[in-house]
Amino acid sequence: MKQLNWCWRLLATAFSFVLFALGALLLAILLAPLIRLLPWPEQRRRQLARRSIQRWVRFYVWIMCALGLLTVEFEGEAALSQSGVLVVANHPTLLDAILLMAVMPNATFIMKAAMARNPFTCWIVSLAGYIPNDEVGVELVEKAAAALRSGETLMIFPEGTRTDGDELKLKRGAANIALAAACPLLPVVIDCQPMTLRKGEPWYHIPPAKPHFSLRVLPLIALDEVVDKSQPPGLQARTLTAALRDVLQGRQG
């Protein structure tokens, strides 16, 4: 029975990858042109694109759960709807962004640059106003900070890529954005047991049991509780990055 279950999950995983690509393609081919033609302000069209993405992704997660590929548990999900906050999370698996998109209908995501170049996703990513992470550092920080100052919720993985190993290696981009926007950070700790779809791991490496994803929203981190504003900006970013790493690593918070 264990072998049969493993074979089923292998086939269902292959199906889910194909389904995601087809769904993204349909959004790009059918939805994106229609939204662009609507005589609405850009912000309203962007919100429609994001809600459409969120509904598709939520349905996609439901399908994966129904197929027996995974289970998902959220703790503190309501806090993710706050405006003007920078949501930061660790990034253990390939599915992390999808799981967060499923519960964040109007957030600006800082996306992996490959998503903005992928023919399946580039149109809808552009229409939703997501920010690719390959922009020049200063431009990326300013664009992200401007979104936060306008009241949007911004989501970023401070590692910049999936976790490689047990120790989190955070870049300073998230700290620089929070400092530029003078906004609080909302940490989310993502755990997956048993682990699957890690960095460098092929999709067909199926874990021995169905993975369980746990996403736990922690209390807000206020800048004035962590950094000394009299210090140079570089030192402030370094201090905030270290504090954020400790929180996401479970050493405090």
C-alpha atoms as a PDB file:
ATOM      1  CA  MET A   1       0.000   0.000   0.000  1.00  0.00           C
ATOM      2  CA  LYS A   2       2.843   2.407   0.755  1.00  0.00           C
ATOM      3  CA  GLN A   3       4.350   1.774  -2.663  1.00  0.00           C
ATOM      4  CA  LEU A   4       0.962   2.266  -4.327  1.00  0.00           C
ATOM      5  CA  ASN A   5       0.440   5.533  -2.441  1.00  0.00           C
ATOM      6  CA  TRP A   6       3.907   6.733  -3.478  1.00  0.00           C
ATOM      7  CA  CYS A   7       3.186   5.956  -7.139  1.00  0.00           C
ATOM      8  CA  TRP A   8      -0.129   7.806  -6.934  1.00  0.00           C
ATOM      9  CA  ARG A   9       1.512  10.874  -5.434  1.00  0.00           C
ATOM     10  CA  LEU A  10       4.195  10.795  -8.152  1.00  0.00           C
ATOM     11  CA  LEU A  11       1.556  10.809 -10.902  1.00  0.00           C
ATOM     12  CA  ALA A  12      -0.530  13.429  -9.102  1.00  0.00           C
ATOM     13  CA  THR A  13       2.548  15.642  -8.676  1.00  0.00           C
ATOM     14  CA  ALA A  14       3.273  15.480 -12.409  1.00  0.00           C
ATOM     15  CA  PHE A  15      -0.368  16.329 -13.100  1.00  0.00           C
ATOM     16  CA  SER A  16      -0.265  19.293 -10.693  1.00  0.00           C
ATOM     17  CA  PHE A  17       2.773  20.797 -12.431  1.00  0.00           C
ATOM     18  CA  VAL A  18       1.049  20.516 -15.811  1.00  0.00           C
ATOM     19  CA  LEU A  19      -2.162  21.957 -14.353  1.00  0.00           C
ATOM     20  CA  PHE A  20      -0.333  24.969 -12.932  1.00  0.00           C
ATOM     21  CA  ALA A  21       1.297  25.719 -16.288  1.00  0.00           C
ATOM     22  CA  LEU A  22      -2.038  25.399 -18.111  1.00  0.00           C
ATOM     23  CA  GLY A  23      -3.782  27.608 -15.563  1.00  0.00           C
ATOM     24  CA  ALA A  24      -1.132  30.305 -15.854  1.00  0.00           C
ATOM     25  CA  LEU A  25      -1.317  30.104 -19.644  1.00  0.00           C
ATOM     26  CA  LEU A  26      -5.095  30.474 -19.642  1.00  0.00           C
ATOM     27  CA  LEU A  27      -4.865  33.467 -17.315  1.00  0.00           C
ATOM     28  CA  ALA A  28      -2.344  35.040 -19.695  1.00  0.00           C
ATOM     29  CA  ILE A  29      -4.251  34.258 -22.900  1.00  0.00           C
ATOM     30  CA  LEU A  30      -7.837  34.829 -21.780  1.00  0.00           C
ATOM     31  CA  LEU A  31      -7.825  37.053 -18.718  1.00  0.00           C
ATOM     32  CA  ALA A  32      -4.929  39.445 -19.282  1.00  0.00           C
ATOM     33  CA  PRO A  33      -6.205  40.868 -22.606  1.00  0.00           C
ATOM     34  CA  LEU A  34      -9.714  41.319 -21.191  1.00  0.00           C
ATOM     35  CA  ILE A  35      -8.453  43.185 -18.148  1.00  0.00           C
ATOM     36  CA  ARG A  36      -6.266  45.428 -20.294  1.00  0.00           C
ATOM     37  CA  LEU A  37      -9.303  46.396 -22.381  1.00  0.00           C
ATOM     38  CA  LEU A  38     -11.405  47.449 -19.395  1.00  0.00           C
ATOM     39  CA  PRO A  39     -11.864  51.256 -19.214  1.00  0.00           C
ATOM     40  CA  TRP A  40     -10.833  51.301 -15.569  1.00  0.00           C
ATOM     41  CA  PRO A  41      -8.002  53.059 -13.725  1.00  0.00           C
ATOM     42  CA  GLU A  42      -4.779  51.055 -13.599  1.00  0.00           C
ATOM     43  CA  GLN A  43      -5.103  50.402  -9.868  1.00  0.00           C
ATOM     44  CA  ARG A  44      -8.556  48.858 -10.262  1.00  0.00           C
ATOM     45  CA  ARG A  45      -7.399  46.653 -13.154  1.00  0.00           C
ATOM     46  CA  ARG A  46      -4.411  45.571 -11.069  1.00  0.00           C
ATOM     47  CA  GLN A  47      -6.663  44.611  -8.164  1.00  0.00           C
ATOM     48  CA  LEU A  48      -8.849  42.533 -10.499  1.00  0.00           C
ATOM     49  CA  ALA A  49      -5.768  40.758 -11.853  1.00  0.00           C
ATOM     50  CA  ARG A  50      -4.533  39.988  -8.342  1.00  0.00           C
ATOM     51  CA  ARG A  51      -7.886  38.694  -7.166  1.00  0.00           C
ATOM     52  CA  SER A  52      -8.131  36.506 -10.253  1.00  0.00           C
ATOM     53  CA  ILE A  53      -4.680  35.089  -9.560  1.00  0.00           C
ATOM     54  CA  GLN A  54      -5.569  34.545  -5.900  1.00  0.00           C
ATOM     55  CA  ARG A  55      -8.752  32.655  -6.741  1.00  0.00           C
ATOM     56  CA  TRP A  56      -6.996  30.434  -9.264  1.00  0.00           C
ATOM     57  CA  VAL A  57      -4.127  29.739  -6.861  1.00  0.00           C
ATOM     58  CA  ARG A  58      -6.538  29.012  -3.998  1.00  0.00           C
ATOM     59  CA  PHE A  59      -8.379  26.545  -6.227  1.00  0.00           C
ATOM     60  CA  TYR A  60      -5.049  25.026  -7.284  1.00  0.00           C
ATOM     61  CA  VAL A  61      -4.037  24.479  -3.643  1.00  0.00           C
ATOM     62  CA  TRP A  62      -7.436  22.896  -2.989  1.00  0.00           C
ATOM     63  CA  ILE A  63      -6.857  20.499  -5.893  1.00  0.00           C
ATOM     64  CA  MET A  64      -3.443  19.479  -4.543  1.00  0.00           C
ATOM     65  CA  CYS A  65      -4.987  18.815  -1.134  1.00  0.00           C
ATOM     66  CA  ALA A  66      -7.869  16.872  -2.691  1.00  0.00           C
ATOM     67  CA  LEU A  67      -5.388  14.725  -4.619  1.00  0.00           C
ATOM     68  CA  GLY A  68      -3.683  13.838  -1.352  1.00  0.00           C
ATOM     69  CA  LEU A  69      -0.434  15.609  -2.232  1.00  0.00           C
ATOM     70  CA  LEU A  70      -0.278  17.809   0.865  1.00  0.00           C
ATOM     71  CA  THR A  71      -2.132  19.376   3.757  1.00  0.00           C
ATOM     72  CA  VAL A  72      -1.981  23.048   4.727  1.00  0.00           C
ATOM     73  CA  GLU A  73      -2.509  24.785   8.068  1.00  0.00           C
ATOM     74  CA  PHE A  74      -2.544  28.564   8.605  1.00  0.00           C
ATOM     75  CA  GLU A  75      -2.195  30.327  11.937  1.00  0.00           C
ATOM     76  CA  GLY A  76      -2.936  34.045  12.083  1.00  0.00           C
ATOM     77  CA  GLU A  77      -4.004  34.308   8.443  1.00  0.00           C
ATOM     78  CA  ALA A  78      -6.188  37.383   9.089  1.00  0.00           C
ATOM     79  CA  ALA A  79      -3.123  39.499   9.925  1.00  0.00           C
ATOM     80  CA  LEU A  80      -1.944  39.198   6.316  1.00  0.00           C
ATOM     81  CA  SER A  81      -4.706  41.575   5.201  1.00  0.00           C
ATOM     82  CA  GLN A  82      -3.109  44.556   6.969  1.00  0.00           C
ATOM     83  CA  SER A  83      -2.142  47.396   4.665  1.00  0.00           C
ATOM     84  CA  GLY A  84       1.197  49.170   4.625  1.00  0.00           C
ATOM     85  CA  VAL A  85       3.156  46.255   6.108  1.00  0.00           C
ATOM     86  CA  LEU A  86       6.067  44.285   4.704  1.00  0.00           C
ATOM     87  CA  VAL A  87       5.362  40.555   4.940  1.00  0.00           C
ATOM     88  CA  VAL A  88       8.572  38.518   5.183  1.00  0.00           C
ATOM     89  CA  ALA A  89       8.866  34.730   5.232  1.00  0.00           C
ATOM     90  CA  ASN A  90      11.405  31.969   5.099  1.00  0.00           C
ATOM     91  CA  HIS A  91      11.427  29.992   1.857  1.00  0.00           C
ATOM     92  CA  PRO A  92      11.927  26.241   2.381  1.00  0.00           C
ATOM     93  CA  THR A  93       9.990  24.920  -0.646  1.00  0.00           C
ATOM     94  CA  LEU A  94       8.864  25.721  -4.170  1.00  0.00           C
ATOM     95  CA  LEU A  95       5.230  26.078  -3.051  1.00  0.00           C
ATOM     96  CA  ASP A  96       5.691  28.865  -0.483  1.00  0.00           C
ATOM     97  CA  ALA A  97       4.727  31.772  -2.755  1.00  0.00           C
ATOM     98  CA  ILE A  98       1.674  29.903  -4.032  1.00  0.00           C
ATOM     99  CA  LEU A  99       0.451  29.177  -0.507  1.00  0.00           C
ATOM    100  CA  LEU A 100       0.814  32.841   0.470  1.00  0.00           C
ATOM    101  CA  MET A 101      -0.841  34.095  -2.734  1.00  0.00           C
ATOM    102  CA  ALA A 102      -3.814  31.899  -1.913  1.00  0.00           C
ATOM    103  CA  VAL A 103      -4.550  34.002   1.197  1.00  0.00           C
ATOM    104  CA  MET A 104      -3.292  37.445   0.081  1.00  0.00           C
ATOM    105  CA  PRO A 105      -5.702  38.702  -2.612  1.00  0.00           C
ATOM    106  CA  ASN A 106      -4.341  42.223  -3.016  1.00  0.00           C
ATOM    107  CA  ALA A 107      -0.665  42.115  -2.128  1.00  0.00           C
ATOM    108  CA  THR A 108       2.350  43.172  -4.156  1.00  0.00           C
ATOM    109  CA  PHE A 109       4.744  40.246  -4.427  1.00  0.00           C
ATOM    110  CA  ILE A 110       8.431  40.639  -5.132  1.00  0.00           C
ATOM    111  CA  MET A 111       8.810  37.776  -7.560  1.00  0.00           C
ATOM    112  CA  LYS A 112      11.706  35.721  -8.761  1.00  0.00           C
ATOM    113  CA  ALA A 113      12.889  37.320 -12.003  1.00  0.00           C
ATOM    114  CA  ALA A 114      12.369  34.066 -13.906  1.00  0.00           C
ATOM    115  CA  MET A 115       8.608  34.373 -13.311  1.00  0.00           C
ATOM    116  CA  ALA A 116       8.591  37.741 -15.079  1.00  0.00           C
ATOM    117  CA  ARG A 117      10.385  36.183 -18.083  1.00  0.00           C
ATOM    118  CA  ASN A 118       8.481  32.903 -18.177  1.00  0.00           C
ATOM    119  CA  PRO A 119       6.097  32.833 -21.186  1.00  0.00           C
ATOM    120  CA  PHE A 120       3.426  31.173 -19.028  1.00  0.00           C
ATOM    121  CA  THR A 121       3.470  33.846 -16.315  1.00  0.00           C
ATOM    122  CA  CYS A 122       5.046  37.054 -17.648  1.00  0.00           C
ATOM    123  CA  TRP A 123       1.816  38.731 -18.830  1.00  0.00           C
ATOM    124  CA  ILE A 124      -0.162  38.156 -15.672  1.00  0.00           C
ATOM    125  CA  VAL A 125       2.813  39.063 -13.449  1.00  0.00           C
ATOM    126  CA  SER A 126       3.122  42.371 -15.292  1.00  0.00           C
ATOM    127  CA  LEU A 127      -0.603  43.056 -15.156  1.00  0.00           C
ATOM    128  CA  ALA A 128      -0.737  42.350 -11.405  1.00  0.00           C
ATOM    129  CA  GLY A 129       2.081  44.817 -10.764  1.00  0.00           C
ATOM    130  CA  TYR A 130       4.383  42.282  -9.135  1.00  0.00           C
ATOM    131  CA  ILE A 131       8.015  43.380  -8.858  1.00  0.00           C
ATOM    132  CA  PRO A 132      10.788  41.154 -10.302  1.00  0.00           C
ATOM    133  CA  ASN A 133      13.789  40.817  -8.004  1.00  0.00           C
ATOM    134  CA  ASP A 134      16.355  41.377 -10.775  1.00  0.00           C
ATOM    135  CA  GLU A 135      15.923  45.140 -10.831  1.00  0.00           C
ATOM    136  CA  VAL A 136      18.821  47.349  -9.791  1.00  0.00           C
ATOM    137  CA  GLY A 137      19.005  47.461  -5.997  1.00  0.00           C
ATOM    138  CA  VAL A 138      18.111  51.126  -5.505  1.00  0.00           C
ATOM    139  CA  GLU A 139      15.276  50.972  -8.042  1.00  0.00           C
ATOM    140  CA  LEU A 140      13.862  47.826  -6.478  1.00  0.00           C
ATOM    141  CA  VAL A 141      13.936  49.318  -2.981  1.00  0.00           C
ATOM    142  CA  GLU A 142      12.315  52.563  -4.099  1.00  0.00           C
ATOM    143  CA  LYS A 143       9.564  50.842  -6.102  1.00  0.00           C
ATOM    144  CA  ALA A 144       8.783  48.507  -3.200  1.00  0.00           C
ATOM    145  CA  ALA A 145       8.892  51.338  -0.642  1.00  0.00           C
ATOM    146  CA  ALA A 146       6.563  53.443  -2.806  1.00  0.00           C
ATOM    147  CA  ALA A 147       4.034  50.608  -2.861  1.00  0.00           C
ATOM    148  CA  LEU A 148       4.170  50.361   0.936  1.00  0.00           C
ATOM    149  CA  ARG A 149       3.859  54.114   1.403  1.00  0.00           C
ATOM    150  CA  SER A 150       0.728  54.072  -0.779  1.00  0.00           C
ATOM    151  CA  GLY A 151      -0.856  51.597   1.641  1.00  0.00           C
ATOM    152  CA  GLU A 152      -0.260  48.343  -0.222  1.00  0.00           C
ATOM    153  CA  THR A 153       0.823  45.116   1.438  1.00  0.00           C
ATOM    154  CA  LEU A 154       4.187  43.899   0.142  1.00  0.00           C
ATOM    155  CA  MET A 155       5.497  40.347   0.339  1.00  0.00           C
ATOM    156  CA  ILE A 156       9.140  39.305   0.006  1.00  0.00           C
ATOM    157  CA  PHE A 157      11.318  36.292   0.766  1.00  0.00           C
ATOM    158  CA  PRO A 158      14.407  37.925   2.348  1.00  0.00           C
ATOM    159  CA  GLU A 159      16.632  35.008   1.318  1.00  0.00           C
ATOM    160  CA  GLY A 160      16.000  35.818  -2.337  1.00  0.00           C
ATOM    161  CA  THR A 161      15.755  32.120  -3.154  1.00  0.00           C
ATOM    162  CA  ARG A 162      14.818  28.865  -1.466  1.00  0.00           C
ATOM    163  CA  THR A 163      16.638  27.977   1.747  1.00  0.00           C
ATOM    164  CA  ASP A 164      19.831  26.049   1.120  1.00  0.00           C
ATOM    165  CA  GLY A 165      20.684  24.077   4.258  1.00  0.00           C
ATOM    166  CA  ASP A 166      19.478  24.586   7.817  1.00  0.00           C
ATOM    167  CA  GLU A 167      20.740  28.135   8.409  1.00  0.00           C
ATOM    168  CA  LEU A 168      18.847  31.061   6.870  1.00  0.00           C
ATOM    169  CA  LYS A 169      21.014  33.405   4.794  1.00  0.00           C
ATOM    170  CA  LEU A 170      19.056  36.639   4.540  1.00  0.00           C
ATOM    171  CA  LYS A 171      19.939  39.438   2.161  1.00  0.00           C
ATOM    172  CA  ARG A 172      19.475  43.053   3.257  1.00  0.00           C
ATOM    173  CA  GLY A 173      16.850  43.897   0.642  1.00  0.00           C
ATOM    174  CA  ALA A 174      13.889  43.411   2.974  1.00  0.00           C
ATOM    175  CA  ALA A 175      15.507  45.526   5.690  1.00  0.00           C
ATOM    176  CA  ASN A 176      16.370  48.282   3.199  1.00  0.00           C
ATOM    177  CA  ILE A 177      12.779  48.340   1.950  1.00  0.00           C
ATOM    178  CA  ALA A 178      11.317  48.491   5.460  1.00  0.00           C
ATOM    179  CA  LEU A 179      13.674  51.300   6.437  1.00  0.00           C
ATOM    180  CA  ALA A 180      12.963  53.263   3.251  1.00  0.00           C
ATOM    181  CA  ALA A 181       9.205  52.934   3.746  1.00  0.00           C
ATOM    182  CA  ALA A 182       9.375  53.318   7.562  1.00  0.00           C
ATOM    183  CA  CYS A 183       6.942  50.424   7.876  1.00  0.00           C
ATOM    184  CA  PRO A 184       6.606  47.451  10.246  1.00  0.00           C
ATOM    185  CA  LEU A 185       7.493  43.915   9.208  1.00  0.00           C
ATOM    186  CA  LEU A 186       5.120  40.973   9.529  1.00  0.00           C
ATOM    187  CA  PRO A 187       7.075  37.701   9.758  1.00  0.00           C
ATOM    188  CA  VAL A 188       5.655  34.385   8.570  1.00  0.00           C
ATOM    189  CA  VAL A 189       7.335  31.115   9.497  1.00  0.00           C
ATOM    190  CA  ILE A 190       6.793  28.322   6.969  1.00  0.00           C
ATOM    191  CA  ASP A 191       7.440  24.720   7.929  1.00  0.00           C
ATOM    192  CA  CYS A 192       7.045  21.596   5.826  1.00  0.00           C
ATOM    193  CA  GLN A 193       7.241  18.051   7.208  1.00  0.00           C
ATOM    194  CA  PRO A 194       8.454  15.931   5.567  1.00  0.00           C
ATOM    195  CA  MET A 195      10.348  18.316   3.333  1.00  0.00           C
ATOM    196  CA  THR A 196       9.651  18.451  -0.392  1.00  0.00           C
ATOM    197  CA  LEU A 197      10.588  20.569  -3.421  1.00  0.00           C
ATOM    198  CA  ARG A 198      13.677  22.015  -1.757  1.00  0.00           C
ATOM    199  CA  LYS A 199      16.303  23.993  -3.601  1.00  0.00           C
ATOM    200  CA  GLY A 200      18.006  21.763  -6.153  1.00  0.00           C
ATOM    201  CA  GLU A 201      15.578  18.896  -5.570  1.00  0.00           C
ATOM    202  CA  PRO A 202      13.794  17.530  -8.672  1.00  0.00           C
ATOM    203  CA  TRP A 203       9.999  17.363  -8.641  1.00  0.00           C
ATOM    204  CA  TYR A 204       9.948  13.570  -8.836  1.00  0.00           C
ATOM    205  CA  HIS A 205      11.744  13.152  -5.494  1.00  0.00           C
ATOM    206  CA  ILE A 206       8.529  12.315  -3.659  1.00  0.00           C
ATOM    207  CA  PRO A 207       8.772  12.249   0.171  1.00  0.00           C
ATOM    208  CA  PRO A 208       7.824   9.009   1.949  1.00  0.00           C
ATOM    209  CA  ALA A 209       4.670  10.576   3.399  1.00  0.00           C
ATOM    210  CA  LYS A 210       2.269  13.345   2.439  1.00  0.00           C
ATOM    211  CA  PRO A 211       3.862  16.729   3.372  1.00  0.00           C
ATOM    212  CA  HIS A 212       2.128  18.982   5.870  1.00  0.00           C
ATOM    213  CA  PHE A 213       2.656  22.734   5.423  1.00  0.00           C
ATOM    214  CA  SER A 214       2.327  24.977   8.450  1.00  0.00           C
ATOM    215  CA  LEU A 215       2.303  28.761   7.970  1.00  0.00           C
ATOM    216  CA  ARG A 216       2.405  30.743  11.197  1.00  0.00           C
ATOM    217  CA  VAL A 217       2.081  34.550  11.265  1.00  0.00           C
ATOM    218  CA  LEU A 218       4.100  36.119  14.083  1.00  0.00           C
ATOM    219  CA  PRO A 219       3.579  39.520  15.754  1.00  0.00           C
ATOM    220  CA  LEU A 220       4.562  42.684  13.906  1.00  0.00           C
ATOM    221  CA  ILE A 221       8.129  43.897  14.209  1.00  0.00           C
ATOM    222  CA  ALA A 222       8.238  47.666  14.752  1.00  0.00           C
ATOM    223  CA  LEU A 223      11.382  49.366  13.464  1.00  0.00           C
ATOM    224  CA  ASP A 224      11.884  51.511  16.557  1.00  0.00           C
ATOM    225  CA  GLU A 225      11.972  48.356  18.688  1.00  0.00           C
ATOM    226  CA  VAL A 226      14.905  46.942  16.710  1.00  0.00           C
ATOM    227  CA  VAL A 227      17.025  49.669  15.125  1.00  0.00           C
ATOM    228  CA  ASP A 228      18.667  52.813  16.432  1.00  0.00           C
ATOM    229  CA  LYS A 229      17.745  55.588  13.989  1.00  0.00           C
ATOM    230  CA  SER A 230      20.848  57.549  14.983  1.00  0.00           C
ATOM    231  CA  GLN A 231      23.040  54.833  13.437  1.00  0.00           C
ATOM    232  CA  PRO A 232      24.124  54.901   9.765  1.00  0.00           C
ATOM    233  CA  PRO A 233      21.592  53.329   7.333  1.00  0.00           C
ATOM    234  CA  GLY A 234      23.916  50.424   6.560  1.00  0.00           C
ATOM    235  CA  LEU A 235      24.212  49.501  10.229  1.00  0.00           C
ATOM    236  CA  GLN A 236      20.457  49.822  10.699  1.00  0.00           C
ATOM    237  CA  ALA A 237      19.869  47.406   7.801  1.00  0.00           C
ATOM    238  CA  ARG A 238      22.407  44.956   9.205  1.00  0.00           C
ATOM    239  CA  THR A 239      20.803  45.055  12.666  1.00  0.00           C
ATOM    240  CA  LEU A 240      17.287  44.634  11.295  1.00  0.00           C
ATOM    241  CA  THR A 241      18.362  41.745   9.043  1.00  0.00           C
ATOM    242  CA  ALA A 242      19.968  39.934  11.992  1.00  0.00           C
ATOM    243  CA  ALA A 243      16.842  40.414  14.137  1.00  0.00           C
ATOM    244  CA  LEU A 244      14.612  39.190  11.334  1.00  0.00           C
ATOM    245  CA  ARG A 245      16.784  36.118  10.803  1.00  0.00           C
ATOM    246  CA  ASP A 246      16.520  35.250  14.495  1.00  0.00           C
ATOM    247  CA  VAL A 247      12.727  35.554  14.388  1.00  0.00           C
ATOM    248  CA  LEU A 248      12.328  33.424  11.255  1.00  0.00           C
ATOM    249  CA  GLN A 249      14.832  30.901  12.588  1.00  0.00           C
ATOM    250  CA  GLY A 250      12.796  30.566  15.796  1.00  0.00           C
ATOM    251  CA  ARG A 251      15.409  32.018  18.120  1.00  0.00           C
ATOM    252  CA  GLN A 252      13.011  34.669  19.355  1.00  0.00           C
ATOM    253  CA  GLY A 253       9.505  35.950  18.744  1.00  0.00           C
END
